[in-house]
Amino acid sequence: MRRRHFIGTLAAGAAALALERALAAPAPAIEVFKTPGCGCCEAWVGHLRASGFAVTVRDVDDTGPYRARAGIPERFGSCHTGLIAGYGIEGHVPAADIRRLVAARPAAAGLAVPGMTVGSPGMEQGSRKDPFDVFLIRRDGAASVFASYGKRGA
């Protein structure tokens, strides 16, 4: 019985150590394409950095080609596009959702928050928080809700 207890304790300790390392691991690097001087894009980049992401910012005249390269349809467009771990991140997507996407590794093009919803990361305006969805964009361009914010029952 002592041997089983020892092996069980050893296994539990190894699992706890693995979990601790996974949670402490830095987030993958993200490259963000945005237009120069956009304040909300800079605020979103600040949100990512505050959440532990290593962010490289590229100022470009048009983010459309980067959105297309990531496989995010124009109808999900916003003011900036990120590329991380083979996924496109369009618009003001919360850092926690990006982490969840990268950890789950679904067969998808990426995540999008179309438009510029007040209250989403980088679009803060006092206490106002409009409801919004984060969409998982499949490679065929179809989408489903990945996360909802500020909605009743969400």
N, C-alpha and C. Protein backbone atom coordinates (compact mmCIF):
# COMPACT_ATOMS: atom_id res chain seq x y z
N MET A 1 0.82 -1.18 0.00
CA MET A 1 0.00 0.00 0.00
C MET A 1 0.87 1.25 0.00
N ARG A 2 1.98 1.22 0.70
CA ARG A 2 2.87 2.39 0.73
C ARG A 2 3.42 2.68 -0.66
N ARG A 3 3.72 1.65 -1.39
CA ARG A 3 4.27 1.83 -2.74
C ARG A 3 3.25 2.52 -3.65
N ARG A 4 1.98 2.08 -3.57
CA ARG A 4 0.93 2.72 -4.37
C ARG A 4 0.75 4.18 -3.97
N HIS A 5 0.78 4.45 -2.69
CA HIS A 5 0.65 5.82 -2.21
C HIS A 5 1.81 6.67 -2.73
N PHE A 6 3.02 6.14 -2.67
CA PHE A 6 4.19 6.85 -3.14
C PHE A 6 4.07 7.13 -4.64
N ILE A 7 3.69 6.14 -5.43
CA ILE A 7 3.56 6.31 -6.88
C ILE A 7 2.45 7.31 -7.19
N GLY A 8 1.34 7.23 -6.46
CA GLY A 8 0.25 8.19 -6.66
C GLY A 8 0.67 9.60 -6.34
N THR A 9 1.40 9.77 -5.25
CA THR A 9 1.88 11.09 -4.86
C THR A 9 2.87 11.62 -5.89
N LEU A 10 3.75 10.76 -6.38
CA LEU A 10 4.72 11.14 -7.39
C LEU A 10 4.02 11.57 -8.68
N ALA A 11 3.02 10.81 -9.11
CA ALA A 11 2.28 11.15 -10.32
C ALA A 11 1.54 12.47 -10.16
N ALA A 12 0.91 12.68 -9.02
CA ALA A 12 0.19 13.94 -8.77
C ALA A 12 1.15 15.12 -8.79
N GLY A 13 2.32 14.95 -8.21
CA GLY A 13 3.32 16.01 -8.20
C GLY A 13 3.81 16.33 -9.60
N ALA A 14 4.03 15.31 -10.41
CA ALA A 14 4.47 15.52 -11.79
C ALA A 14 3.40 16.25 -12.59
N ALA A 15 2.14 15.88 -12.38
CA ALA A 15 1.04 16.54 -13.08
C ALA A 15 0.94 18.01 -12.66
N ALA A 16 1.08 18.28 -11.38
CA ALA A 16 1.02 19.66 -10.88
C ALA A 16 2.16 20.49 -11.45
N LEU A 17 3.34 19.91 -11.53
CA LEU A 17 4.50 20.62 -12.08
C LEU A 17 4.28 20.92 -13.56
N ALA A 18 3.75 19.97 -14.30
CA ALA A 18 3.49 20.18 -15.73
C ALA A 18 2.47 21.29 -15.94
N LEU A 19 1.42 21.30 -15.11
CA LEU A 19 0.40 22.34 -15.20
C LEU A 19 0.99 23.71 -14.85
N GLU A 20 1.80 23.76 -13.81
CA GLU A 20 2.43 25.01 -13.41
C GLU A 20 3.31 25.56 -14.53
N ARG A 21 4.09 24.70 -15.16
CA ARG A 21 4.95 25.14 -16.27
C ARG A 21 4.12 25.63 -17.44
N ALA A 22 3.04 24.93 -17.76
CA ALA A 22 2.19 25.34 -18.88
C ALA A 22 1.57 26.70 -18.62
N LEU A 23 1.11 26.95 -17.40
CA LEU A 23 0.49 28.23 -17.08
C LEU A 23 1.51 29.36 -17.00
N ALA A 24 2.73 29.04 -16.63
CA ALA A 24 3.78 30.05 -16.50
C ALA A 24 4.46 30.34 -17.83
N ALA A 25 4.25 29.49 -18.82
CA ALA A 25 4.91 29.67 -20.11
C ALA A 25 4.45 30.98 -20.74
N PRO A 26 5.37 31.70 -21.35
CA PRO A 26 4.98 32.95 -21.98
C PRO A 26 4.06 32.67 -23.17
N ALA A 27 3.19 33.61 -23.44
CA ALA A 27 2.31 33.47 -24.59
C ALA A 27 3.15 33.54 -25.86
N PRO A 28 2.67 32.91 -26.90
CA PRO A 28 3.41 32.99 -28.17
C PRO A 28 3.49 34.44 -28.66
N ALA A 29 4.43 34.67 -29.54
CA ALA A 29 4.58 36.00 -30.12
C ALA A 29 3.45 36.26 -31.11
N ILE A 30 2.99 37.49 -31.15
CA ILE A 30 1.95 37.89 -32.10
C ILE A 30 2.46 39.08 -32.89
N GLU A 31 2.23 39.05 -34.18
CA GLU A 31 2.59 40.16 -35.06
C GLU A 31 1.30 40.89 -35.41
N VAL A 32 1.27 42.20 -35.18
CA VAL A 32 0.07 43.00 -35.39
C VAL A 32 0.30 44.00 -36.52
N PHE A 33 -0.62 43.98 -37.50
CA PHE A 33 -0.59 44.91 -38.62
C PHE A 33 -1.70 45.93 -38.41
N LYS A 34 -1.31 47.20 -38.38
CA LYS A 34 -2.27 48.28 -38.11
C LYS A 34 -1.87 49.52 -38.90
N THR A 35 -2.81 50.45 -39.00
CA THR A 35 -2.48 51.71 -39.66
C THR A 35 -1.78 52.63 -38.67
N PRO A 36 -0.86 53.47 -39.15
CA PRO A 36 -0.11 54.35 -38.25
C PRO A 36 -1.04 55.31 -37.50
N GLY A 37 -0.73 55.53 -36.23
CA GLY A 37 -1.43 56.51 -35.43
C GLY A 37 -2.80 56.11 -34.93
N CYS A 38 -3.20 54.88 -35.11
CA CYS A 38 -4.53 54.45 -34.64
C CYS A 38 -4.48 54.20 -33.13
N GLY A 39 -5.19 55.03 -32.37
CA GLY A 39 -5.17 54.93 -30.91
C GLY A 39 -5.79 53.65 -30.37
N CYS A 40 -6.89 53.20 -30.97
CA CYS A 40 -7.52 51.98 -30.45
C CYS A 40 -6.66 50.76 -30.73
N CYS A 41 -5.94 50.77 -31.86
CA CYS A 41 -5.02 49.66 -32.16
C CYS A 41 -3.89 49.63 -31.13
N GLU A 42 -3.37 50.81 -30.81
CA GLU A 42 -2.31 50.88 -29.80
C GLU A 42 -2.83 50.41 -28.44
N ALA A 43 -4.06 50.76 -28.11
CA ALA A 43 -4.64 50.32 -26.84
C ALA A 43 -4.81 48.80 -26.82
N TRP A 44 -5.20 48.19 -27.95
CA TRP A 44 -5.33 46.73 -28.01
C TRP A 44 -3.97 46.07 -27.86
N VAL A 45 -2.95 46.64 -28.50
CA VAL A 45 -1.58 46.13 -28.36
C VAL A 45 -1.17 46.21 -26.89
N GLY A 46 -1.51 47.29 -26.20
CA GLY A 46 -1.22 47.42 -24.78
C GLY A 46 -1.92 46.34 -23.96
N HIS A 47 -3.17 46.03 -24.32
CA HIS A 47 -3.92 44.95 -23.66
C HIS A 47 -3.19 43.62 -23.83
N LEU A 48 -2.70 43.34 -25.03
CA LEU A 48 -1.97 42.09 -25.27
C LEU A 48 -0.67 42.05 -24.46
N ARG A 49 0.06 43.13 -24.47
CA ARG A 49 1.33 43.18 -23.72
C ARG A 49 1.07 43.01 -22.22
N ALA A 50 0.04 43.66 -21.70
CA ALA A 50 -0.30 43.54 -20.28
C ALA A 50 -0.71 42.11 -19.94
N SER A 51 -1.15 41.36 -20.93
CA SER A 51 -1.56 39.96 -20.74
C SER A 51 -0.41 38.99 -21.01
N GLY A 52 0.79 39.51 -21.22
CA GLY A 52 1.97 38.66 -21.36
C GLY A 52 2.38 38.29 -22.77
N PHE A 53 1.72 38.83 -23.78
CA PHE A 53 2.09 38.52 -25.16
C PHE A 53 3.30 39.33 -25.58
N ALA A 54 4.15 38.72 -26.38
CA ALA A 54 5.26 39.43 -27.02
C ALA A 54 4.71 39.94 -28.35
N VAL A 55 4.59 41.26 -28.49
CA VAL A 55 3.92 41.85 -29.65
C VAL A 55 4.92 42.59 -30.52
N THR A 56 4.88 42.30 -31.81
CA THR A 56 5.61 43.07 -32.81
C THR A 56 4.58 43.83 -33.62
N VAL A 57 4.73 45.14 -33.71
CA VAL A 57 3.77 45.98 -34.42
C VAL A 57 4.35 46.38 -35.77
N ARG A 58 3.52 46.25 -36.80
CA ARG A 58 3.89 46.66 -38.15
C ARG A 58 2.86 47.69 -38.62
N ASP A 59 3.30 48.92 -38.82
CA ASP A 59 2.42 49.94 -39.37
C ASP A 59 2.35 49.77 -40.88
N VAL A 60 1.12 49.66 -41.40
CA VAL A 60 0.90 49.46 -42.83
C VAL A 60 -0.22 50.39 -43.29
N ASP A 61 -0.28 50.66 -44.57
CA ASP A 61 -1.32 51.52 -45.11
C ASP A 61 -2.66 50.82 -45.20
N ASP A 62 -2.64 49.50 -45.39
CA ASP A 62 -3.87 48.74 -45.59
C ASP A 62 -3.72 47.37 -44.91
N THR A 63 -4.61 47.06 -43.98
CA THR A 63 -4.53 45.77 -43.28
C THR A 63 -5.22 44.65 -44.06
N GLY A 64 -5.97 45.00 -45.10
CA GLY A 64 -6.71 44.01 -45.88
C GLY A 64 -5.89 42.83 -46.38
N PRO A 65 -4.71 43.08 -46.96
CA PRO A 65 -3.92 41.94 -47.46
C PRO A 65 -3.50 40.97 -46.34
N TYR A 66 -3.29 41.47 -45.14
CA TYR A 66 -2.89 40.61 -44.02
C TYR A 66 -4.09 39.80 -43.52
N ARG A 67 -5.25 40.44 -43.52
CA ARG A 67 -6.50 39.75 -43.15
C ARG A 67 -6.75 38.63 -44.16
N ALA A 68 -6.60 38.92 -45.45
CA ALA A 68 -6.81 37.91 -46.50
C ALA A 68 -5.80 36.78 -46.37
N ARG A 69 -4.55 37.13 -46.11
CA ARG A 69 -3.50 36.11 -45.95
C ARG A 69 -3.83 35.16 -44.80
N ALA A 70 -4.48 35.69 -43.75
CA ALA A 70 -4.84 34.87 -42.60
C ALA A 70 -6.10 34.04 -42.86
N GLY A 71 -6.82 34.34 -43.95
CA GLY A 71 -8.04 33.61 -44.24
C GLY A 71 -9.28 34.16 -43.55
N ILE A 72 -9.21 35.43 -43.11
CA ILE A 72 -10.35 36.06 -42.46
C ILE A 72 -11.12 36.85 -43.52
N PRO A 73 -12.37 36.49 -43.79
CA PRO A 73 -13.15 37.22 -44.80
C PRO A 73 -13.33 38.69 -44.44
N GLU A 74 -13.43 39.51 -45.45
CA GLU A 74 -13.56 40.96 -45.28
C GLU A 74 -14.76 41.33 -44.40
N ARG A 75 -15.84 40.56 -44.43
CA ARG A 75 -17.03 40.90 -43.64
C ARG A 75 -16.76 40.87 -42.13
N PHE A 76 -15.65 40.25 -41.73
CA PHE A 76 -15.26 40.22 -40.32
C PHE A 76 -14.19 41.26 -40.01
N GLY A 77 -13.94 42.16 -40.95
CA GLY A 77 -12.87 43.12 -40.83
C GLY A 77 -13.03 44.11 -39.68
N SER A 78 -11.88 44.58 -39.22
CA SER A 78 -11.80 45.61 -38.20
C SER A 78 -10.62 46.49 -38.54
N CYS A 79 -9.99 47.08 -37.55
CA CYS A 79 -8.94 48.06 -37.81
C CYS A 79 -7.52 47.51 -37.71
N HIS A 80 -7.36 46.28 -37.27
CA HIS A 80 -6.02 45.69 -37.21
C HIS A 80 -6.13 44.18 -37.32
N THR A 81 -5.03 43.56 -37.74
CA THR A 81 -4.97 42.11 -37.92
C THR A 81 -3.73 41.60 -37.24
N GLY A 82 -3.88 40.55 -36.46
CA GLY A 82 -2.75 39.90 -35.82
C GLY A 82 -2.53 38.52 -36.41
N LEU A 83 -1.30 38.07 -36.38
CA LEU A 83 -0.95 36.72 -36.82
C LEU A 83 -0.21 36.04 -35.67
N ILE A 84 -0.73 34.88 -35.26
CA ILE A 84 -0.15 34.15 -34.13
C ILE A 84 -0.34 32.65 -34.34
N ALA A 85 0.74 31.91 -34.26
CA ALA A 85 0.70 30.45 -34.28
C ALA A 85 -0.13 29.90 -35.44
N GLY A 86 -0.07 30.55 -36.60
CA GLY A 86 -0.82 30.08 -37.76
C GLY A 86 -2.26 30.55 -37.83
N TYR A 87 -2.67 31.43 -36.91
CA TYR A 87 -4.04 31.95 -36.88
C TYR A 87 -4.07 33.45 -37.14
N GLY A 88 -5.17 33.91 -37.72
CA GLY A 88 -5.42 35.34 -37.85
C GLY A 88 -6.28 35.80 -36.69
N ILE A 89 -5.99 36.98 -36.19
CA ILE A 89 -6.77 37.59 -35.10
C ILE A 89 -7.21 38.95 -35.63
N GLU A 90 -8.50 39.11 -35.85
CA GLU A 90 -9.02 40.33 -36.46
C GLU A 90 -9.80 41.14 -35.45
N GLY A 91 -9.37 42.37 -35.23
CA GLY A 91 -10.09 43.27 -34.36
C GLY A 91 -9.76 43.12 -32.89
N HIS A 92 -10.66 43.59 -32.07
CA HIS A 92 -10.44 43.74 -30.64
C HIS A 92 -10.77 42.47 -29.85
N VAL A 93 -10.07 41.40 -30.17
CA VAL A 93 -10.26 40.10 -29.52
C VAL A 93 -9.56 40.11 -28.16
N PRO A 94 -10.26 39.69 -27.10
CA PRO A 94 -9.62 39.62 -25.78
C PRO A 94 -8.46 38.62 -25.75
N ALA A 95 -7.42 38.97 -25.01
CA ALA A 95 -6.22 38.13 -24.92
C ALA A 95 -6.55 36.72 -24.42
N ALA A 96 -7.48 36.59 -23.49
CA ALA A 96 -7.84 35.26 -22.97
C ALA A 96 -8.38 34.35 -24.07
N ASP A 97 -9.11 34.93 -25.02
CA ASP A 97 -9.64 34.12 -26.12
C ASP A 97 -8.54 33.70 -27.08
N ILE A 98 -7.55 34.56 -27.26
CA ILE A 98 -6.41 34.20 -28.11
C ILE A 98 -5.65 33.05 -27.47
N ARG A 99 -5.43 33.13 -26.17
CA ARG A 99 -4.74 32.03 -25.46
C ARG A 99 -5.53 30.73 -25.59
N ARG A 100 -6.84 30.81 -25.43
CA ARG A 100 -7.68 29.62 -25.53
C ARG A 100 -7.60 29.02 -26.94
N LEU A 101 -7.62 29.87 -27.96
CA LEU A 101 -7.50 29.41 -29.35
C LEU A 101 -6.19 28.67 -29.57
N VAL A 102 -5.10 29.30 -29.16
CA VAL A 102 -3.77 28.72 -29.38
C VAL A 102 -3.61 27.41 -28.61
N ALA A 103 -4.18 27.33 -27.42
CA ALA A 103 -4.09 26.10 -26.63
C ALA A 103 -4.92 24.98 -27.23
N ALA A 104 -6.10 25.31 -27.76
CA ALA A 104 -7.01 24.28 -28.30
C ALA A 104 -6.61 23.83 -29.71
N ARG A 105 -5.97 24.71 -30.47
CA ARG A 105 -5.51 24.40 -31.83
C ARG A 105 -6.61 23.86 -32.75
N PRO A 106 -7.77 24.51 -32.82
CA PRO A 106 -8.82 24.01 -33.72
C PRO A 106 -8.43 24.22 -35.18
N ALA A 107 -9.04 23.44 -36.07
CA ALA A 107 -8.85 23.64 -37.50
C ALA A 107 -9.66 24.87 -37.88
N ALA A 108 -9.02 26.03 -37.91
CA ALA A 108 -9.71 27.29 -38.16
C ALA A 108 -8.73 28.30 -38.72
N ALA A 109 -9.29 29.38 -39.29
CA ALA A 109 -8.46 30.48 -39.77
C ALA A 109 -8.08 31.40 -38.61
N GLY A 110 -9.00 31.57 -37.64
CA GLY A 110 -8.67 32.43 -36.51
C GLY A 110 -9.91 32.96 -35.82
N LEU A 111 -9.74 34.10 -35.14
CA LEU A 111 -10.80 34.73 -34.37
C LEU A 111 -11.03 36.15 -34.89
N ALA A 112 -12.26 36.64 -34.72
CA ALA A 112 -12.56 38.00 -35.14
C ALA A 112 -13.62 38.63 -34.24
N VAL A 113 -13.42 39.93 -33.99
CA VAL A 113 -14.44 40.79 -33.42
C VAL A 113 -14.64 41.88 -34.47
N PRO A 114 -15.66 41.71 -35.33
CA PRO A 114 -15.86 42.68 -36.40
C PRO A 114 -16.19 44.06 -35.87
N GLY A 115 -15.82 45.06 -36.63
CA GLY A 115 -16.13 46.42 -36.25
C GLY A 115 -15.28 46.88 -35.08
N MET A 116 -15.81 47.81 -34.33
CA MET A 116 -15.06 48.40 -33.22
C MET A 116 -16.01 48.60 -32.04
N THR A 117 -16.33 47.52 -31.36
CA THR A 117 -17.32 47.54 -30.29
C THR A 117 -16.81 48.26 -29.04
N VAL A 118 -17.56 49.21 -28.57
CA VAL A 118 -17.20 49.94 -27.35
C VAL A 118 -17.20 48.94 -26.18
N GLY A 119 -16.12 48.99 -25.42
CA GLY A 119 -15.98 48.11 -24.27
C GLY A 119 -15.13 46.89 -24.53
N SER A 120 -14.85 46.59 -25.81
CA SER A 120 -13.93 45.50 -26.12
C SER A 120 -12.50 45.99 -25.85
N PRO A 121 -11.53 45.09 -25.68
CA PRO A 121 -10.17 45.52 -25.37
C PRO A 121 -9.63 46.52 -26.40
N GLY A 122 -9.22 47.67 -25.91
CA GLY A 122 -8.72 48.73 -26.77
C GLY A 122 -9.78 49.74 -27.16
N MET A 123 -11.03 49.42 -26.89
CA MET A 123 -12.15 50.31 -27.23
C MET A 123 -12.89 50.77 -25.97
N GLU A 124 -12.19 50.82 -24.85
CA GLU A 124 -12.80 51.23 -23.60
C GLU A 124 -13.22 52.69 -23.65
N GLN A 125 -14.40 52.97 -23.14
CA GLN A 125 -14.91 54.34 -23.04
C GLN A 125 -15.66 54.46 -21.72
N GLY A 126 -14.90 54.68 -20.67
CA GLY A 126 -15.51 54.78 -19.35
C GLY A 126 -16.15 53.47 -18.94
N SER A 127 -17.35 53.57 -18.38
CA SER A 127 -18.03 52.37 -17.90
C SER A 127 -18.89 51.70 -18.97
N ARG A 128 -19.00 52.32 -20.14
CA ARG A 128 -19.84 51.75 -21.21
C ARG A 128 -19.21 50.48 -21.77
N LYS A 129 -20.01 49.43 -21.82
CA LYS A 129 -19.56 48.16 -22.39
C LYS A 129 -20.69 47.58 -23.22
N ASP A 130 -20.58 47.71 -24.52
CA ASP A 130 -21.59 47.14 -25.41
C ASP A 130 -21.34 45.64 -25.55
N PRO A 131 -22.40 44.84 -25.68
CA PRO A 131 -22.20 43.40 -25.86
C PRO A 131 -21.52 43.10 -27.20
N PHE A 132 -20.71 42.05 -27.21
CA PHE A 132 -20.08 41.63 -28.47
C PHE A 132 -19.76 40.15 -28.43
N ASP A 133 -19.60 39.61 -29.62
CA ASP A 133 -19.20 38.21 -29.79
C ASP A 133 -17.82 38.15 -30.39
N VAL A 134 -17.09 37.11 -30.01
CA VAL A 134 -15.83 36.76 -30.66
C VAL A 134 -16.19 35.56 -31.54
N PHE A 135 -15.89 35.67 -32.83
CA PHE A 135 -16.22 34.61 -33.77
C PHE A 135 -15.01 33.75 -34.09
N LEU A 136 -15.22 32.45 -34.13
CA LEU A 136 -14.23 31.50 -34.64
C LEU A 136 -14.49 31.39 -36.14
N ILE A 137 -13.50 31.75 -36.93
CA ILE A 137 -13.63 31.73 -38.38
C ILE A 137 -13.02 30.44 -38.91
N ARG A 138 -13.86 29.65 -39.55
CA ARG A 138 -13.36 28.41 -40.14
C ARG A 138 -12.62 28.73 -41.43
N ARG A 139 -11.88 27.78 -41.91
CA ARG A 139 -11.09 27.99 -43.13
C ARG A 139 -11.96 28.19 -44.36
N ASP A 140 -13.23 27.74 -44.31
CA ASP A 140 -14.12 27.94 -45.45
C ASP A 140 -14.85 29.29 -45.36
N GLY A 141 -14.53 30.10 -44.35
CA GLY A 141 -15.13 31.41 -44.18
C GLY A 141 -16.36 31.44 -43.31
N ALA A 142 -16.90 30.28 -42.96
CA ALA A 142 -18.05 30.24 -42.06
C ALA A 142 -17.58 30.59 -40.65
N ALA A 143 -18.53 30.98 -39.81
CA ALA A 143 -18.16 31.40 -38.45
C ALA A 143 -19.15 30.86 -37.42
N SER A 144 -18.66 30.74 -36.21
CA SER A 144 -19.49 30.39 -35.07
C SER A 144 -19.02 31.21 -33.88
N VAL A 145 -19.89 31.38 -32.90
CA VAL A 145 -19.53 32.18 -31.73
C VAL A 145 -18.55 31.38 -30.86
N PHE A 146 -17.42 31.98 -30.59
CA PHE A 146 -16.36 31.40 -29.76
C PHE A 146 -16.52 31.85 -28.31
N ALA A 147 -16.93 33.12 -28.14
CA ALA A 147 -17.14 33.68 -26.80
C ALA A 147 -18.09 34.87 -26.95
N SER A 148 -18.87 35.14 -25.90
CA SER A 148 -19.78 36.28 -25.86
C SER A 148 -19.48 37.12 -24.62
N TYR A 149 -19.60 38.42 -24.77
CA TYR A 149 -19.34 39.34 -23.67
C TYR A 149 -20.51 40.30 -23.53
N GLY A 150 -20.93 40.50 -22.28
CA GLY A 150 -21.93 41.50 -21.97
C GLY A 150 -23.35 41.16 -22.36
N LYS A 151 -23.61 39.90 -22.70
CA LYS A 151 -24.96 39.50 -23.07
C LYS A 151 -25.62 38.78 -21.92
N ARG A 152 -26.91 38.89 -21.80
CA ARG A 152 -27.62 38.18 -20.75
C ARG A 152 -27.42 36.69 -20.92
N GLY A 153 -27.10 36.02 -19.82
CA GLY A 153 -26.90 34.58 -19.85
C GLY A 153 -25.54 34.18 -20.37
N ALA A 154 -24.69 35.14 -20.74
CA ALA A 154 -23.35 34.82 -21.27
C ALA A 154 -22.31 34.92 -20.20
